[in-house]
Structure formats: C-alpha cells, structure tokens
Amino acid sequence: MNAAFARLLQALREPRTMGAFAESDWDRVLRQADAAGLMGRLGALARSVGLLETLPPPVRRRMLAHLTIATQQQRAVRWELTLLSRTLAEIPGPIVVLKGAAYAAADLAPAAGRLFSDIDLMVPRAQIDAAEAALMLGGWISSHHDAYDQRYYRDWMHELPPMTHVRRGTVLDLHHSILPRTARLQTPPEPLFAAARPMPGFPRFHLLEPADLVLHSATHLFHEGEWQHGMRDLVDLDALLRSGAAADAGFWPHLAGRARLLNLSKPLGYALGLCGELLGTPQPPDLPLADAATGVRGAAMHALFRRALSRAHPPSQQPGAAFAEWLLYLRSHWLRMPFSLLLPHLIRKAWVRRFANDGTTARDEPADIAAAVGDDAPATDR
C-alpha cells in the first residue's frame, strides 16, 4: 500500500495519531483528503479527539474551512427540505430523504464534515408522477430534454431525470427505488418504505431505518461504480456501521436479516470486507450473510475495489488502478441493464460523447447546495 494512502487510513482509523504527523506526512495526507473529499471528515475527527487546535496552522485552517462549508451546507439543506415539504405537501408518501441530505438533515454520524451537492428523495412508484408534477409547479425543471434520455430514466432506471430549481439552482434526484428496474440485482422497495421512520424536525419526510441506511450506501457504492467518491462513501459506511452497532445490541443480526430480505447480501459483504480491512470497522466474525462475496470471485472483486479506491489521488494509485476502475465501470453497466439494452446504450453514449456538442445528454455539474439556496433562505440560515 502506498505510504500516503496508508497515512490517510491511519488518520481515519485512529484520529489521535494525527497529533504526531510530521510536515511531510501532512503534505501527503492533505492531498489525499482533498482528492477523496475527506478534508472535512478529518477536521471533524481531529476536533472530536481534541486535536484540532493543536495541529499546524496551515492544516488547521484548511480543516476549519471545510468544516465551515459543511456546516453551511447542513443549514442550507434543512431550509431546502422546509421548502420542499411545502411543495410536496399533497403527496401521500412516505417521502424518504436519501444519502448526503439525509445524513445532514438528521445529523447522522456520516454528516460530520461531509460535503455534498444535491438532494435525493424517494417516493413509492405509484406516486412518482404526482410528485414530479408538484415539483414542476414548485419551480423544478428537468435537466434532460433528449427523448432517449427521458426514456432511459423513466422506463429503465430507478429515478427520474435530475431536476434543478429555476431560482435556487439546487439539484434534486427523485427516486422510486434504490436499484434500476432493469438491474440484474433486484430489491423490493416496499420493505424500505414500510420500515422508514419519520425524520426528526421534518414531519413531512422519512428516513431509512439504520440497517437500510447501511444497505443503501453499500448498494450505491458497489453497484453504481462511482469511484471518484469511493473512499468518502466507504467512510460513510464505517460511520453508519459503528453508530448502528452502538445504538442497538441487535443491530448486526438485524442487518444480516434485512440484507437477505432485500437481496443485498453481496454488496453488504463487499462493504464489510473493505471497511474491516481499510478502516478497522468492528464487526462480528460470523455474521450470517447469504450469498456474500466469498471465494475466488469475491477475492478478485475485493482486489478490484481496493485498486479503484486508490484512484482519488494519482500519486497513491496502486498498480492497475486505472484498469480496475475501467473494469468496474463496465461492471456497473452490466449490472444495470441486460445486454440487449446495454450494447445499444453504450454505443449511443460513445457516439454522443464523440460527436454531440449541444450538451443535452450530459448531466450538468450540480450547483453547490449551500450557494444554491440563494435569496429564498432566511438571513439566519445563510
């Protein structure tokens, strides 16, 4: 393992060791943390063990800057959810807040120092059209206008095309499940909605129960293949696992049971393996996971994941990291669609990427959510 990557993992596993880092260590660790989107997380960890004020001034300033942005984003997402609760007031629901916005609004363990750029909501499929209509009336417009893109999302995927608010610039993804309708791995969304809990402070919205938060995070990382944020997502998983186990003595068997019910034992197995190896996440050695990632195939996948996680910062890449990331990109598409749909889709994507110049099929970079709220936010929340 590259020394710089090892130092970053050490800081994440044992935050107190940051107090003994030399200047050369910090140069490598800060580059790693910046590239992986973990600077704010390191700052939150340093603060939690009373080290932040003792760190070298340049290090402390950078961490404090990211912590300030994270705090601003958390205020902004709470205000955005307040506005959305009015827009979606007539939707029966439940309306579930997912991923980074859920962590921030509910002040969950992964929220400490975490940055994010959009809001993800999930409603039952029977209500997706009504929710979209309500959002459009509230000033949200689709960012994809190409007929093929519309069909891709509406007929095959687990979400609508991304929507952007015309005034605030906030980006929103509206889901009806956590996996595409055409995916090889299928999970029923009904148990997710049934077990979701009201979100404290936001009675209009719900939050996945602790085990389902883990399973959704694991599925997103090991199914979607978005490795530019892979290390950050793995740190999220570590935080969710630790906090879930600390809050409930029966968390681990319940997690295994939910994984079997939702057909998500394999992504959970990958998550537990990497969290345990890289972040030292405590976990029972004999967790009963059906069809988990084991054997030769599981070891090969584990090696690919590890290499892909090292891609965030080029100097610390493991040998074969770029090839591993490419293979996992292909795998994500293979898992997402049957071959009869996948081949024409990839050919079209390659054609558009090569020849199209109008940008209609490329997803725009989402606006920073803290800046996007703009004039609709009260002065106290800016």
Protein backbone atom coordinates (compact mmCIF):
# COMPACT_ATOMS: atom_id res chain seq x y z
CA MET A 1 0.00 0.00 0.00
CA ASN A 2 1.25 3.49 -0.87
CA ALA A 3 2.61 5.38 2.16
CA ALA A 4 0.39 8.42 1.56
CA PHE A 5 -2.76 6.31 1.33
CA ALA A 6 -1.70 4.38 4.44
CA ARG A 7 -1.30 7.65 6.38
CA LEU A 8 -4.78 8.79 5.36
CA LEU A 9 -6.27 5.48 6.51
CA GLN A 10 -4.36 5.75 9.78
CA ALA A 11 -5.81 9.21 10.40
CA LEU A 12 -9.33 7.93 9.70
CA ARG A 13 -8.93 4.84 11.90
CA GLU A 14 -7.01 6.42 14.77
CA PRO A 15 -7.55 10.20 14.74
CA ARG A 16 -5.24 10.75 17.73
CA THR A 17 -2.25 9.72 15.63
CA MET A 18 -2.66 12.94 13.62
CA GLY A 19 -1.00 14.73 16.52
CA ALA A 20 2.30 13.01 15.68
CA PHE A 21 2.25 13.64 11.91
CA ALA A 22 5.33 15.34 10.50
CA GLU A 23 5.16 18.14 7.93
CA SER A 24 5.90 15.67 5.14
CA ASP A 25 3.06 13.45 6.38
CA TRP A 26 0.61 16.33 6.30
CA ASP A 27 1.56 17.29 2.75
CA ARG A 28 0.67 13.80 1.55
CA VAL A 29 -2.40 13.35 3.77
CA LEU A 30 -3.96 16.70 2.84
CA ARG A 31 -3.56 15.99 -0.87
CA GLN A 32 -5.21 12.62 -0.34
CA ALA A 33 -8.03 14.03 1.76
CA ASP A 34 -8.75 16.83 -0.71
CA ALA A 35 -8.90 14.45 -3.65
CA ALA A 36 -11.13 11.98 -1.79
CA GLY A 37 -13.50 14.63 -0.38
CA LEU A 38 -12.45 13.82 3.19
CA MET A 39 -10.85 17.04 4.41
CA GLY A 40 -13.90 17.99 6.46
CA ARG A 41 -14.13 14.48 7.88
CA LEU A 42 -10.53 14.65 9.07
CA GLY A 43 -11.28 18.01 10.66
CA ALA A 44 -14.32 16.60 12.44
CA LEU A 45 -12.30 13.63 13.70
CA ALA A 46 -9.48 15.89 14.90
CA ARG A 47 -11.99 18.06 16.73
CA SER A 48 -13.69 15.03 18.30
CA VAL A 49 -10.44 13.93 19.97
CA GLY A 50 -9.41 17.46 20.98
CA LEU A 51 -6.57 17.76 18.47
CA LEU A 52 -7.83 20.37 16.02
CA GLU A 53 -6.45 23.41 17.84
CA THR A 54 -3.03 21.78 18.26
CA LEU A 55 -2.47 20.97 14.58
CA PRO A 56 -0.08 23.07 12.44
CA PRO A 57 -1.79 26.37 11.47
CA PRO A 58 -1.98 25.66 7.70
CA VAL A 59 -3.55 22.26 8.40
CA ARG A 60 -5.98 23.67 10.94
CA ARG A 61 -7.05 26.48 8.59
CA ARG A 62 -7.85 24.10 5.75
CA MET A 63 -9.80 21.77 8.01
CA LEU A 64 -11.74 24.66 9.55
CA ALA A 65 -12.61 25.98 6.10
CA HIS A 66 -14.11 22.63 5.10
CA LEU A 67 -15.95 22.32 8.41
CA THR A 68 -17.43 25.79 7.89
CA ILE A 69 -18.64 24.84 4.41
CA ALA A 70 -20.12 21.59 5.75
CA THR A 71 -21.99 23.49 8.47
CA GLN A 72 -23.31 25.96 5.88
CA GLN A 73 -24.45 23.11 3.65
CA GLN A 74 -26.27 21.43 6.52
CA ARG A 75 -28.17 24.64 7.27
CA ALA A 76 -28.95 25.03 3.58
CA VAL A 77 -30.28 21.50 3.13
CA ARG A 78 -32.57 21.92 6.14
CA TRP A 79 -34.01 25.06 4.59
CA GLU A 80 -34.35 23.33 1.21
CA LEU A 81 -36.27 20.48 2.84
CA THR A 82 -38.53 23.03 4.53
CA LEU A 83 -39.37 24.47 1.10
CA LEU A 84 -39.80 21.01 -0.41
CA SER A 85 -42.16 20.00 2.39
CA ARG A 86 -44.48 22.77 1.20
CA THR A 87 -44.09 21.82 -2.45
CA LEU A 88 -44.83 18.14 -1.77
CA ALA A 89 -47.50 18.70 0.90
CA GLU A 90 -50.21 16.88 -1.08
CA ILE A 91 -48.14 13.75 -1.86
CA PRO A 92 -49.27 10.89 0.44
CA GLY A 93 -45.76 9.49 0.75
CA PRO A 94 -43.83 8.38 2.61
CA ILE A 95 -41.18 10.64 1.11
CA VAL A 96 -37.75 9.31 2.07
CA VAL A 97 -34.65 11.52 2.11
CA LEU A 98 -31.55 9.63 0.94
CA LYS A 99 -27.75 9.79 1.16
CA GLY A 100 -25.94 13.05 2.00
CA ALA A 101 -29.05 15.17 2.50
CA ALA A 102 -30.43 12.59 4.94
CA TYR A 103 -27.17 12.49 6.89
CA ALA A 104 -27.12 16.28 7.14
CA ALA A 105 -30.79 16.88 7.94
CA ALA A 106 -30.98 14.12 10.56
CA ASP A 107 -27.48 14.84 11.94
CA LEU A 108 -26.37 11.25 11.42
CA ALA A 109 -22.84 10.02 12.07
CA PRO A 110 -21.56 10.47 8.46
CA ALA A 111 -22.64 14.13 8.45
CA ALA A 112 -19.59 15.33 10.41
CA GLY A 113 -17.56 17.39 7.96
CA ARG A 114 -19.24 15.83 4.91
CA LEU A 115 -19.85 17.84 1.73
CA PHE A 116 -22.48 17.04 -0.89
CA SER A 117 -24.06 18.73 -3.87
CA ASP A 118 -27.65 17.58 -4.39
CA ILE A 119 -30.76 16.23 -2.68
CA ASP A 120 -32.12 12.72 -3.19
CA LEU A 121 -35.75 11.86 -2.42
CA MET A 122 -37.60 8.57 -2.84
CA VAL A 123 -41.37 8.11 -3.16
CA PRO A 124 -43.44 5.00 -3.98
CA ARG A 125 -43.57 4.39 -7.72
CA ALA A 126 -47.34 4.89 -7.78
CA GLN A 127 -46.76 8.48 -6.61
CA ILE A 128 -43.81 9.39 -8.82
CA ASP A 129 -45.90 11.23 -11.44
CA ALA A 130 -47.79 13.27 -8.84
CA ALA A 131 -44.54 14.14 -7.08
CA GLU A 132 -42.92 15.22 -10.33
CA ALA A 133 -45.92 17.38 -11.21
CA ALA A 134 -45.86 19.04 -7.79
CA LEU A 135 -42.14 19.74 -8.15
CA MET A 136 -42.62 21.27 -11.60
CA LEU A 137 -45.31 23.56 -10.20
CA GLY A 138 -42.83 24.48 -7.46
CA GLY A 139 -40.20 25.64 -9.95
CA TRP A 140 -38.22 22.44 -10.58
CA ILE A 141 -37.34 21.57 -14.18
CA SER A 142 -35.76 18.50 -15.75
CA SER A 143 -32.14 18.83 -16.85
CA HIS A 144 -32.54 16.22 -19.62
CA HIS A 145 -34.66 17.03 -22.68
CA ASP A 146 -33.42 14.46 -25.16
CA ALA A 147 -36.12 11.85 -25.88
CA TYR A 148 -33.68 8.96 -25.42
CA ASP A 149 -32.52 10.26 -22.03
CA GLN A 150 -36.11 10.66 -20.89
CA ARG A 151 -36.86 7.07 -21.90
CA TYR A 152 -33.64 5.82 -20.28
CA TYR A 153 -34.64 7.25 -16.92
CA ARG A 154 -38.40 6.71 -17.00
CA ASP A 155 -38.52 3.19 -18.45
CA TRP A 156 -35.31 1.60 -17.19
CA MET A 157 -33.89 3.43 -14.19
CA HIS A 158 -34.90 3.83 -10.53
CA GLU A 159 -35.19 7.61 -10.72
CA LEU A 160 -36.44 10.43 -12.91
CA PRO A 161 -34.05 12.69 -14.83
CA PRO A 162 -32.35 15.11 -12.40
CA MET A 163 -34.33 18.28 -11.68
CA THR A 164 -32.96 21.76 -10.99
CA HIS A 165 -34.79 24.60 -9.25
CA VAL A 166 -35.10 27.61 -11.57
CA ARG A 167 -34.28 30.16 -8.83
CA ARG A 168 -32.13 28.38 -6.31
CA GLY A 169 -30.12 26.17 -8.69
CA THR A 170 -30.40 23.20 -6.31
CA VAL A 171 -30.28 19.78 -7.99
CA LEU A 172 -32.74 17.08 -6.93
CA ASP A 173 -32.95 13.39 -7.84
CA LEU A 174 -36.39 11.83 -7.42
CA HIS A 175 -36.23 8.04 -6.91
CA HIS A 176 -38.83 5.29 -6.64
CA SER A 177 -36.34 2.55 -5.70
CA ILE A 178 -32.64 2.13 -4.92
CA LEU A 179 -31.80 -0.01 -7.96
CA PRO A 180 -32.75 0.33 -11.64
CA ARG A 181 -35.82 -1.50 -12.90
CA THR A 182 -33.60 -3.33 -15.41
CA ALA A 183 -30.86 -4.24 -12.91
CA ARG A 184 -29.67 -7.84 -12.61
CA LEU A 185 -29.79 -7.48 -8.84
CA GLN A 186 -33.33 -6.67 -7.76
CA THR A 187 -34.55 -5.47 -4.40
CA PRO A 188 -38.18 -4.79 -3.42
CA PRO A 189 -38.66 -1.13 -2.41
CA GLU A 190 -41.76 -1.84 -0.32
CA PRO A 191 -39.86 -3.03 2.81
CA LEU A 192 -37.73 0.13 2.66
CA PHE A 193 -40.80 2.36 2.78
CA ALA A 194 -42.51 0.20 5.41
CA ALA A 195 -39.57 0.42 7.82
CA ALA A 196 -38.74 4.09 7.19
CA ARG A 197 -39.05 6.39 10.18
CA PRO A 198 -40.26 9.99 10.41
CA MET A 199 -37.34 12.39 10.25
CA PRO A 200 -36.92 14.44 13.44
CA GLY A 201 -37.72 18.09 12.76
CA PHE A 202 -39.19 17.33 9.33
CA PRO A 203 -42.51 15.53 9.79
CA ARG A 204 -43.17 15.60 6.04
CA PHE A 205 -40.13 13.38 5.37
CA HIS A 206 -38.90 9.94 6.37
CA LEU A 207 -35.51 8.37 6.93
CA LEU A 208 -34.44 4.81 6.16
CA GLU A 209 -34.01 2.71 9.29
CA PRO A 210 -30.35 2.23 10.40
CA ALA A 211 -29.79 -1.15 8.72
CA ASP A 212 -31.34 0.07 5.48
CA LEU A 213 -29.13 3.17 5.55
CA VAL A 214 -26.13 0.82 5.52
CA LEU A 215 -27.57 -1.35 2.76
CA HIS A 216 -28.43 1.59 0.55
CA SER A 217 -24.97 3.10 0.97
CA ALA A 218 -23.31 -0.25 0.22
CA THR A 219 -25.50 -0.83 -2.82
CA HIS A 220 -24.80 2.65 -4.18
CA LEU A 221 -21.04 2.19 -3.85
CA PHE A 222 -20.67 -1.38 -5.07
CA HIS A 223 -23.38 -1.33 -7.74
CA GLU A 224 -23.17 2.13 -9.31
CA GLY A 225 -19.40 2.27 -9.77
CA GLU A 226 -18.94 5.97 -8.87
CA TRP A 227 -15.37 5.58 -7.65
CA GLN A 228 -14.44 9.25 -7.67
CA HIS A 229 -16.14 9.39 -4.26
CA GLY A 230 -15.46 5.78 -3.31
CA MET A 231 -13.29 6.43 -0.26
CA ARG A 232 -15.73 9.02 1.08
CA ASP A 233 -18.61 6.56 0.66
CA LEU A 234 -16.63 3.86 2.44
CA VAL A 235 -16.05 6.26 5.35
CA ASP A 236 -19.83 6.89 5.39
CA LEU A 237 -20.38 3.14 5.67
CA ASP A 238 -17.90 2.87 8.52
CA ALA A 239 -19.70 5.65 10.42
CA LEU A 240 -23.14 4.10 9.81
CA LEU A 241 -21.97 0.66 10.96
CA ARG A 242 -20.31 1.97 14.10
CA SER A 243 -23.24 4.18 15.10
CA GLY A 244 -25.81 1.46 14.32
CA ALA A 245 -23.97 -1.11 16.43
CA ALA A 246 -23.51 1.37 19.29
CA ALA A 247 -27.21 2.26 19.37
CA ASP A 248 -28.67 -1.26 19.18
CA ALA A 249 -27.28 -4.51 20.59
CA GLY A 250 -29.24 -6.45 17.97
CA PHE A 251 -28.01 -4.36 15.06
CA TRP A 252 -25.77 -6.98 13.39
CA PRO A 253 -28.25 -9.88 13.14
CA HIS A 254 -30.93 -7.41 12.09
CA LEU A 255 -28.63 -6.03 9.38
CA ALA A 256 -27.97 -9.54 8.06
CA GLY A 257 -31.69 -10.27 8.06
CA ARG A 258 -32.52 -7.09 6.16
CA ALA A 259 -29.78 -7.89 3.63
CA ARG A 260 -31.37 -11.28 2.95
CA LEU A 261 -34.86 -9.80 2.72
CA LEU A 262 -33.74 -7.11 0.28
CA ASN A 263 -31.42 -9.40 -1.72
CA LEU A 264 -28.44 -7.21 -0.84
CA SER A 265 -26.14 -9.65 0.98
CA LYS A 266 -23.46 -9.41 -1.70
CA PRO A 267 -22.93 -5.61 -1.62
CA LEU A 268 -23.06 -5.78 2.18
CA GLY A 269 -20.38 -8.48 2.13
CA TYR A 270 -18.15 -6.29 -0.05
CA ALA A 271 -18.76 -3.32 2.26
CA LEU A 272 -17.94 -5.22 5.45
CA GLY A 273 -14.79 -6.68 3.94
CA LEU A 274 -13.35 -3.35 2.82
CA CYS A 275 -14.50 -1.42 5.89
CA GLY A 276 -12.88 -4.00 8.13
CA GLU A 277 -9.61 -4.12 6.21
CA LEU A 278 -9.10 -0.43 5.46
CA LEU A 279 -10.90 1.33 8.33
CA GLY A 280 -10.85 -1.29 11.08
CA THR A 281 -14.64 -1.30 11.40
CA PRO A 282 -15.60 -3.62 14.30
CA GLN A 283 -17.92 -6.42 13.19
CA PRO A 284 -18.83 -9.93 14.30
CA PRO A 285 -16.69 -12.61 12.62
CA ASP A 286 -19.56 -14.99 11.94
CA LEU A 287 -22.27 -12.70 10.55
CA PRO A 288 -24.69 -14.95 8.61
CA LEU A 289 -24.69 -13.43 5.14
CA ALA A 290 -26.34 -15.49 2.44
CA ASP A 291 -24.61 -15.32 -0.95
CA ALA A 292 -21.99 -12.91 0.36
CA ALA A 293 -18.83 -12.07 -1.59
CA THR A 294 -16.62 -15.07 -0.87
CA GLY A 295 -14.29 -17.48 -2.63
CA VAL A 296 -12.07 -16.75 -5.62
CA ARG A 297 -14.56 -14.42 -7.24
CA GLY A 298 -15.01 -12.48 -4.02
CA ALA A 299 -11.24 -12.13 -3.61
CA ALA A 300 -10.90 -10.89 -7.19
CA MET A 301 -13.65 -8.31 -6.70
CA HIS A 302 -12.06 -7.21 -3.43
CA ALA A 303 -8.76 -6.60 -5.23
CA LEU A 304 -10.51 -4.55 -7.91
CA PHE A 305 -12.35 -2.45 -5.34
CA ARG A 306 -9.17 -1.75 -3.39
CA ARG A 307 -7.37 -0.56 -6.50
CA ALA A 308 -10.28 1.61 -7.59
CA LEU A 309 -10.41 3.25 -4.17
CA SER A 310 -6.80 4.39 -4.66
CA ARG A 311 -7.67 6.35 -7.80
CA ALA A 312 -8.70 9.54 -6.00
CA HIS A 313 -5.15 10.91 -5.92
CA PRO A 314 -2.83 9.82 -8.76
CA PRO A 315 0.48 9.61 -6.80
CA SER A 316 -1.02 7.00 -4.45
CA GLN A 317 -2.61 4.77 -7.06
CA GLN A 318 -1.99 1.08 -6.71
CA PRO A 319 -0.68 -0.81 -9.77
CA GLY A 320 -3.53 -1.46 -12.18
CA ALA A 321 -5.84 1.08 -10.54
CA ALA A 322 -6.96 2.69 -13.81
CA PHE A 323 -7.69 -0.70 -15.36
CA ALA A 324 -9.58 -1.78 -12.23
CA GLU A 325 -11.71 1.36 -12.35
CA TRP A 326 -12.47 0.75 -16.04
CA LEU A 327 -13.49 -2.85 -15.35
CA LEU A 328 -15.75 -1.72 -12.50
CA TYR A 329 -17.28 0.92 -14.78
CA LEU A 330 -18.16 -1.82 -17.27
CA ARG A 331 -19.42 -3.98 -14.41
CA SER A 332 -21.71 -1.21 -13.18
CA HIS A 333 -23.35 -1.02 -16.61
CA TRP A 334 -23.55 -4.80 -16.87
CA LEU A 335 -25.35 -4.89 -13.52
CA ARG A 336 -27.61 -2.02 -14.51
CA MET A 337 -29.04 -3.34 -17.80
CA PRO A 338 -29.46 -6.58 -19.77
CA PHE A 339 -27.10 -6.97 -22.72
CA SER A 340 -29.86 -6.32 -25.27
CA LEU A 341 -30.25 -2.81 -23.82
CA LEU A 342 -26.69 -2.30 -22.66
CA LEU A 343 -24.89 -2.64 -26.01
CA PRO A 344 -27.04 -0.08 -27.89
CA HIS A 345 -26.86 2.21 -24.86
CA LEU A 346 -23.05 2.15 -24.68
CA ILE A 347 -22.75 2.65 -28.44
CA ARG A 348 -25.04 5.66 -28.23
CA LYS A 349 -23.16 7.10 -25.26
CA ALA A 350 -19.86 6.74 -27.12
CA TRP A 351 -21.34 8.38 -30.22
CA VAL A 352 -22.80 11.29 -28.29
CA ARG A 353 -19.60 11.81 -26.33
CA ARG A 354 -17.63 11.87 -29.56
CA PHE A 355 -19.88 13.98 -31.80
CA ALA A 356 -22.61 15.81 -29.88
CA ASN A 357 -21.89 19.41 -28.94
CA ASP A 358 -25.22 20.63 -27.62
CA GLY A 359 -24.76 19.13 -24.13
CA THR A 360 -28.32 17.84 -23.95
CA THR A 361 -27.32 14.34 -22.89
CA ALA A 362 -24.64 15.24 -20.39
CA ARG A 363 -25.66 15.82 -16.82
CA ASP A 364 -24.64 19.26 -15.65
CA GLU A 365 -22.48 19.55 -12.58
CA PRO A 366 -24.83 20.27 -9.65
CA ALA A 367 -24.59 23.62 -8.01
CA ASP A 368 -23.17 23.80 -4.51
CA ILE A 369 -26.25 23.39 -2.37
CA ALA A 370 -25.19 25.98 0.18
CA ALA A 371 -24.82 28.62 -2.54
CA ALA A 372 -27.84 27.42 -4.49
CA VAL A 373 -30.45 28.24 -1.84
CA GLY A 374 -29.79 31.91 -2.55
CA ASP A 375 -32.40 34.56 -1.86
CA ASP A 376 -35.04 32.10 -0.68
CA ALA A 377 -33.08 31.38 2.51
CA PRO A 378 -33.67 33.44 5.64
CA ALA A 379 -30.74 35.58 6.72
CA THR A 380 -30.13 33.44 9.79
CA ASP A 381 -29.68 30.36 7.65
CA ARG A 382 -27.10 31.71 5.20
